[in-house]
PDB file of N, CA and C in Angstrom:
ATOM      1  N   UNK A   1      90.192   2.336 130.682  1.00  0.00           N
ATOM      2  CA  UNK A   1      91.611   2.023 130.623  1.00  0.00           C
ATOM      3  C   UNK A   1      91.880   0.580 130.999  1.00  0.00           C
ATOM      4  N   UNK A   2      91.058  -0.300 130.602  1.00  0.00           N
ATOM      5  CA  UNK A   2      91.215  -1.688 130.955  1.00  0.00           C
ATOM      6  C   UNK A   2      92.171  -2.454 130.060  1.00  0.00           C
ATOM      7  N   UNK A   3      92.960  -1.754 129.252  1.00  0.00           N
ATOM      8  CA  UNK A   3      93.839  -2.429 128.305  1.00  0.00           C
ATOM      9  C   UNK A   3      95.222  -2.732 128.866  1.00  0.00           C
ATOM     10  N   UNK A   4      95.496  -2.423 130.114  1.00  0.00           N
ATOM     11  CA  UNK A   4      96.775  -2.733 130.729  1.00  0.00           C
ATOM     12  C   UNK A   4      97.874  -1.721 130.459  1.00  0.00           C
ATOM     13  N   UNK A   5      97.615  -0.705 129.662  1.00  0.00           N
ATOM     14  CA  UNK A   5      98.636   0.290 129.352  1.00  0.00           C
ATOM     15  C   UNK A   5      99.003   1.136 130.565  1.00  0.00           C
ATOM     16  N   UNK A   6      98.109   1.230 131.529  1.00  0.00           N
ATOM     17  CA  UNK A   6      98.357   2.103 132.674  1.00  0.00           C
ATOM     18  C   UNK A   6      99.019   1.388 133.847  1.00  0.00           C
ATOM     19  N   UNK A   7      99.433   0.146 133.659  1.00  0.00           N
ATOM     20  CA  UNK A   7     100.176  -0.596 134.677  1.00  0.00           C
ATOM     21  C   UNK A   7     101.577  -0.863 134.153  1.00  0.00           C
ATOM     22  N   UNK A   8     102.583  -0.588 134.980  1.00  0.00           N
ATOM     23  CA  UNK A   8     103.965  -0.783 134.565  1.00  0.00           C
ATOM     24  C   UNK A   8     104.231  -2.263 134.312  1.00  0.00           C
ATOM     25  N   UNK A   9     104.782  -2.551 133.142  1.00  0.00           N
ATOM     26  CA  UNK A   9     105.113  -3.920 132.736  1.00  0.00           C
ATOM     27  C   UNK A   9     106.475  -3.881 132.056  1.00  0.00           C
ATOM     28  N   UNK A  10     107.509  -4.314 132.750  1.00  0.00           N
ATOM     29  CA  UNK A  10     108.886  -4.216 132.265  1.00  0.00           C
ATOM     30  C   UNK A  10     109.113  -5.014 130.978  1.00  0.00           C
ATOM     31  N   UNK A  11     108.197  -5.900 130.622  1.00  0.00           N
ATOM     32  CA  UNK A  11     108.364  -6.657 129.375  1.00  0.00           C
ATOM     33  C   UNK A  11     107.939  -5.845 128.153  1.00  0.00           C
ATOM     34  N   UNK A  12     107.250  -4.726 128.361  1.00  0.00           N
ATOM     35  CA  UNK A  12     106.831  -3.869 127.245  1.00  0.00           C
ATOM     36  C   UNK A  12     107.946  -2.882 126.917  1.00  0.00           C
ATOM     37  N   UNK A  13     108.290  -2.780 125.637  1.00  0.00           N
ATOM     38  CA  UNK A  13     109.392  -1.925 125.210  1.00  0.00           C
ATOM     39  C   UNK A  13     109.208  -0.479 125.667  1.00  0.00           C
ATOM     40  N   UNK A  14     108.003   0.060 125.492  1.00  0.00           N
ATOM     41  CA  UNK A  14     107.780   1.459 125.848  1.00  0.00           C
ATOM     42  C   UNK A  14     107.935   1.698 127.347  1.00  0.00           C
ATOM     43  N   UNK A  15     107.666   0.691 128.154  1.00  0.00           N
ATOM     44  CA  UNK A  15     107.856   0.804 129.597  1.00  0.00           C
ATOM     45  C   UNK A  15     109.339   0.672 129.942  1.00  0.00           C
ATOM     46  N   UNK A  16     110.056  -0.128 129.168  1.00  0.00           N
ATOM     47  CA  UNK A  16     111.503  -0.243 129.352  1.00  0.00           C
ATOM     48  C   UNK A  16     112.190   1.093 129.102  1.00  0.00           C
ATOM     49  N   UNK A  17     111.682   1.872 128.138  1.00  0.00           N
ATOM     50  CA  UNK A  17     112.249   3.197 127.866  1.00  0.00           C
ATOM     51  C   UNK A  17     112.130   4.105 129.088  1.00  0.00           C
ATOM     52  N   UNK A  18     110.986   4.059 129.743  1.00  0.00           N
ATOM     53  CA  UNK A  18     110.788   4.873 130.946  1.00  0.00           C
ATOM     54  C   UNK A  18     111.760   4.433 132.036  1.00  0.00           C
ATOM     55  N   UNK A  19     111.831   3.125 132.278  1.00  0.00           N
ATOM     56  CA  UNK A  19     112.697   2.598 133.331  1.00  0.00           C
ATOM     57  C   UNK A  19     114.165   2.904 133.051  1.00  0.00           C
ATOM     58  N   UNK A  20     114.593   2.743 131.803  1.00  0.00           N
ATOM     59  CA  UNK A  20     116.003   2.983 131.492  1.00  0.00           C
ATOM     60  C   UNK A  20     116.343   4.466 131.597  1.00  0.00           C
ATOM     61  N   UNK A  21     115.424   5.338 131.220  1.00  0.00           N
ATOM     62  CA  UNK A  21     115.667   6.776 131.364  1.00  0.00           C
ATOM     63  C   UNK A  21     115.814   7.152 132.832  1.00  0.00           C
ATOM     64  N   UNK A  22     114.949   6.616 133.668  1.00  0.00           N
ATOM     65  CA  UNK A  22     115.034   6.898 135.098  1.00  0.00           C
ATOM     66  C   UNK A  22     116.337   6.361 135.680  1.00  0.00           C
ATOM     67  N   UNK A  23     116.754   5.182 135.223  1.00  0.00           N
ATOM     68  CA  UNK A  23     117.994   4.578 135.694  1.00  0.00           C
ATOM     69  C   UNK A  23     119.201   5.417 135.292  1.00  0.00           C
ATOM     70  N   UNK A  24     119.199   5.921 134.061  1.00  0.00           N
ATOM     71  CA  UNK A  24     120.299   6.765 133.582  1.00  0.00           C
ATOM     72  C   UNK A  24     120.401   8.038 134.422  1.00  0.00           C
ATOM     73  N   UNK A  25     119.266   8.612 134.787  1.00  0.00           N
ATOM     74  CA  UNK A  25     119.294   9.818 135.614  1.00  0.00           C
ATOM     75  C   UNK A  25     120.004   9.566 136.941  1.00  0.00           C
ATOM     76  N   UNK A  26     119.769   8.410 137.539  1.00  0.00           N
ATOM     77  CA  UNK A  26     120.415   8.071 138.808  1.00  0.00           C
ATOM     78  C   UNK A  26     121.866   7.672 138.574  1.00  0.00           C
ATOM     79  N   UNK A  27     122.087   6.757 137.645  1.00  0.00           N
ATOM     80  CA  UNK A  27     123.407   6.167 137.421  1.00  0.00           C
ATOM     81  C   UNK A  27     124.405   7.145 136.811  1.00  0.00           C
ATOM     82  N   UNK A  28     123.994   7.854 135.781  1.00  0.00           N
ATOM     83  CA  UNK A  28     124.928   8.691 135.028  1.00  0.00           C
ATOM     84  C   UNK A  28     124.906  10.164 135.423  1.00  0.00           C
ATOM     85  N   UNK A  29     123.798  10.641 135.949  1.00  0.00           N
ATOM     86  CA  UNK A  29     123.674  12.065 136.240  1.00  0.00           C
ATOM     87  C   UNK A  29     123.587  12.381 137.728  1.00  0.00           C
ATOM     88  N   UNK A  30     123.599  11.359 138.568  1.00  0.00           N
ATOM     89  CA  UNK A  30     123.674  11.567 140.005  1.00  0.00           C
ATOM     90  C   UNK A  30     122.391  11.983 140.703  1.00  0.00           C
ATOM     91  N   UNK A  31     121.253  11.815 140.040  1.00  0.00           N
ATOM     92  CA  UNK A  31     119.979  12.116 140.693  1.00  0.00           C
ATOM     93  C   UNK A  31     119.722  11.099 141.799  1.00  0.00           C
ATOM     94  N   UNK A  32     119.028  11.527 142.831  1.00  0.00           N
ATOM     95  CA  UNK A  32     118.548  10.577 143.831  1.00  0.00           C
ATOM     96  C   UNK A  32     117.203  10.039 143.337  1.00  0.00           C
ATOM     97  N   UNK A  33     116.770   8.896 143.858  1.00  0.00           N
ATOM     98  CA  UNK A  33     115.445   8.406 143.463  1.00  0.00           C
ATOM     99  C   UNK A  33     114.349   9.448 143.707  1.00  0.00           C
ATOM    100  N   UNK A  34     114.420  10.154 144.824  1.00  0.00           N
ATOM    101  CA  UNK A  34     113.425  11.189 145.115  1.00  0.00           C
ATOM    102  C   UNK A  34     113.446  12.272 144.038  1.00  0.00           C
ATOM    103  N   UNK A  35     114.636  12.703 143.624  1.00  0.00           N
ATOM    104  CA  UNK A  35     114.746  13.730 142.583  1.00  0.00           C
ATOM    105  C   UNK A  35     114.170  13.245 141.257  1.00  0.00           C
ATOM    106  N   UNK A  36     114.392  11.971 140.942  1.00  0.00           N
ATOM    107  CA  UNK A  36     113.844  11.417 139.699  1.00  0.00           C
ATOM    108  C   UNK A  36     112.320  11.470 139.731  1.00  0.00           C
ATOM    109  N   UNK A  37     111.722  11.059 140.833  1.00  0.00           N
ATOM    110  CA  UNK A  37     110.265  11.058 140.914  1.00  0.00           C
ATOM    111  C   UNK A  37     109.701  12.476 140.953  1.00  0.00           C
ATOM    112  N   UNK A  38     110.425  13.417 141.568  1.00  0.00           N
ATOM    113  CA  UNK A  38     109.989  14.812 141.532  1.00  0.00           C
ATOM    114  C   UNK A  38     110.057  15.344 140.103  1.00  0.00           C
ATOM    115  N   UNK A  39     111.112  14.981 139.379  1.00  0.00           N
ATOM    116  CA  UNK A  39     111.246  15.378 137.982  1.00  0.00           C
ATOM    117  C   UNK A  39     110.114  14.788 137.144  1.00  0.00           C
ATOM    118  N   UNK A  40     109.788  13.527 137.378  1.00  0.00           N
ATOM    119  CA  UNK A  40     108.698  12.882 136.646  1.00  0.00           C
ATOM    120  C   UNK A  40     107.362  13.575 136.946  1.00  0.00           C
ATOM    121  N   UNK A  41     107.148  13.947 138.199  1.00  0.00           N
ATOM    122  CA  UNK A  41     105.914  14.665 138.552  1.00  0.00           C
ATOM    123  C   UNK A  41     105.835  16.005 137.829  1.00  0.00           C
ATOM    124  N   UNK A  42     106.961  16.732 137.783  1.00  0.00           N
ATOM    125  CA  UNK A  42     106.967  18.022 137.106  1.00  0.00           C
ATOM    126  C   UNK A  42     106.769  17.845 135.605  1.00  0.00           C
ATOM    127  N   UNK A  43     107.417  16.836 135.032  1.00  0.00           N
ATOM    128  CA  UNK A  43     107.242  16.560 133.598  1.00  0.00           C
ATOM    129  C   UNK A  43     105.786  16.220 133.304  1.00  0.00           C
ATOM    130  N   UNK A  44     105.171  15.452 134.179  1.00  0.00           N
ATOM    131  CA  UNK A  44     103.758  15.088 134.004  1.00  0.00           C
ATOM    132  C   UNK A  44     102.885  16.341 133.979  1.00  0.00           C
ATOM    133  N   UNK A  45     103.139  17.262 134.907  1.00  0.00           N
ATOM    134  CA  UNK A  45     102.358  18.505 134.949  1.00  0.00           C
ATOM    135  C   UNK A  45     102.578  19.341 133.690  1.00  0.00           C
ATOM    136  N   UNK A  46     103.826  19.448 133.258  1.00  0.00           N
ATOM    137  CA  UNK A  46     104.138  20.311 132.123  1.00  0.00           C
ATOM    138  C   UNK A  46     103.710  19.725 130.784  1.00  0.00           C
ATOM    139  N   UNK A  47     103.721  18.404 130.671  1.00  0.00           N
ATOM    140  CA  UNK A  47     103.434  17.759 129.391  1.00  0.00           C
ATOM    141  C   UNK A  47     101.982  17.335 129.220  1.00  0.00           C
ATOM    142  N   UNK A  48     101.193  17.406 130.270  1.00  0.00           N
ATOM    143  CA  UNK A  48      99.818  16.901 130.218  1.00  0.00           C
ATOM    144  C   UNK A  48      99.038  17.471 129.044  1.00  0.00           C
ATOM    145  N   UNK A  49      99.055  18.774 128.876  1.00  0.00           N
ATOM    146  CA  UNK A  49      98.281  19.409 127.811  1.00  0.00           C
ATOM    147  C   UNK A  49      98.696  18.943 126.428  1.00  0.00           C
ATOM    148  N   UNK A  50     100.000  18.897 126.187  1.00  0.00           N
ATOM    149  CA  UNK A  50     100.496  18.471 124.874  1.00  0.00           C
ATOM    150  C   UNK A  50     100.150  17.012 124.600  1.00  0.00           C
ATOM    151  N   UNK A  51     100.284  16.163 125.610  1.00  0.00           N
ATOM    152  CA  UNK A  51      99.966  14.746 125.422  1.00  0.00           C
ATOM    153  C   UNK A  51      98.469  14.544 125.208  1.00  0.00           C
ATOM    154  N   UNK A  52      97.652  15.300 125.921  1.00  0.00           N
ATOM    155  CA  UNK A  52      96.201  15.206 125.741  1.00  0.00           C
ATOM    156  C   UNK A  52      95.820  15.637 124.328  1.00  0.00           C
ATOM    157  N   UNK A  53      96.476  16.674 123.828  1.00  0.00           N
ATOM    158  CA  UNK A  53      96.206  17.139 122.470  1.00  0.00           C
ATOM    159  C   UNK A  53      96.600  16.080 121.439  1.00  0.00           C
ATOM    160  N   UNK A  54      97.760  15.459 121.627  1.00  0.00           N
ATOM    161  CA  UNK A  54      98.180  14.384 120.719  1.00  0.00           C
ATOM    162  C   UNK A  54      97.186  13.232 120.729  1.00  0.00           C
ATOM    163  N   UNK A  55      96.757  12.834 121.914  1.00  0.00           N
ATOM    164  CA  UNK A  55      95.804  11.731 122.022  1.00  0.00           C
ATOM    165  C   UNK A  55      94.489  12.086 121.344  1.00  0.00           C
ATOM    166  N   UNK A  56      94.044  13.320 121.508  1.00  0.00           N
ATOM    167  CA  UNK A  56      92.802  13.772 120.887  1.00  0.00           C
ATOM    168  C   UNK A  56      92.919  13.738 119.364  1.00  0.00           C
ATOM    169  N   UNK A  57      94.041  14.222 118.848  1.00  0.00           N
ATOM    170  CA  UNK A  57      94.252  14.210 117.400  1.00  0.00           C
ATOM    171  C   UNK A  57      94.298  12.786 116.864  1.00  0.00           C
ATOM    172  N   UNK A  58      94.924  11.905 117.608  1.00  0.00           N
ATOM    173  CA  UNK A  58      95.029  10.507 117.177  1.00  0.00           C
ATOM    174  C   UNK A  58      93.653   9.852 117.095  1.00  0.00           C
ATOM    175  N   UNK A  59      92.752  10.279 117.970  1.00  0.00           N
ATOM    176  CA  UNK A  59      91.393   9.729 117.975  1.00  0.00           C
ATOM    177  C   UNK A  59      90.488  10.444 116.983  1.00  0.00           C
ATOM    178  N   UNK A  60      91.050  11.361 116.203  1.00  0.00           N
ATOM    179  CA  UNK A  60      90.251  12.062 115.208  1.00  0.00           C
ATOM    180  C   UNK A  60      89.547  13.287 115.733  1.00  0.00           C
ATOM    181  N   UNK A  61      90.038  13.822 116.841  1.00  0.00           N
ATOM    182  CA  UNK A  61      89.431  15.011 117.419  1.00  0.00           C
ATOM    183  C   UNK A  61      89.802  16.257 116.646  1.00  0.00           C
ATOM    184  N   UNK A  62      89.452  17.384 117.210  1.00  0.00           N
ATOM    185  CA  UNK A  62      89.735  18.666 116.566  1.00  0.00           C
ATOM    186  C   UNK A  62      91.240  18.898 116.575  1.00  0.00           C
ATOM    187  N   UNK A  63      91.792  19.219 115.413  1.00  0.00           N
ATOM    188  CA  UNK A  63      93.219  19.521 115.362  1.00  0.00           C
ATOM    189  C   UNK A  63      93.442  21.009 115.599  1.00  0.00           C
ATOM    190  N   UNK A  64      94.706  21.396 115.672  1.00  0.00           N
ATOM    191  CA  UNK A  64      95.033  22.794 115.983  1.00  0.00           C
ATOM    192  C   UNK A  64      94.466  23.767 114.965  1.00  0.00           C
ATOM    193  N   UNK A  65      94.549  23.460 113.684  1.00  0.00           N
ATOM    194  CA  UNK A  65      94.071  24.370 112.647  1.00  0.00           C
ATOM    195  C   UNK A  65      92.563  24.568 112.757  1.00  0.00           C
ATOM    196  N   UNK A  66      91.828  23.507 113.006  1.00  0.00           N
ATOM    197  CA  UNK A  66      90.378  23.625 113.161  1.00  0.00           C
ATOM    198  C   UNK A  66      90.033  24.428 114.404  1.00  0.00           C
ATOM    199  N   UNK A  67      90.787  24.218 115.472  1.00  0.00           N
ATOM    200  CA  UNK A  67      90.509  24.910 116.726  1.00  0.00           C
ATOM    201  C   UNK A  67      90.729  26.411 116.589  1.00  0.00           C
ATOM    202  N   UNK A  68      91.665  26.829 115.744  1.00  0.00           N
ATOM    203  CA  UNK A  68      91.951  28.250 115.568  1.00  0.00           C
ATOM    204  C   UNK A  68      90.782  28.981 114.923  1.00  0.00           C
ATOM    205  N   UNK A  69      90.002  28.277 114.120  1.00  0.00           N
ATOM    206  CA  UNK A  69      88.894  28.928 113.422  1.00  0.00           C
ATOM    207  C   UNK A  69      87.620  28.946 114.250  1.00  0.00           C
ATOM    208  N   UNK A  70      87.608  28.226 115.363  1.00  0.00           N
ATOM    209  CA  UNK A  70      86.403  28.178 116.208  1.00  0.00           C
ATOM    210  C   UNK A  70      86.272  29.400 117.081  1.00  0.00           C
TER     211      UNK A  70
END
């Protein structure tokens, strides 16, 4: 992971999306910073499998249809 994608960089558009979403949760929906980070932790746990599958497919790994026949 030496490509810098795993370090927050506010100049990157995709990182700005994360920051602005977190800001909206606090500013518009009344979340506390602690609640936002707890929500992010829960989202990370719940989405890990789906994101790993997407990354695997993008790298040319086994897709869902192939996996069903194994």
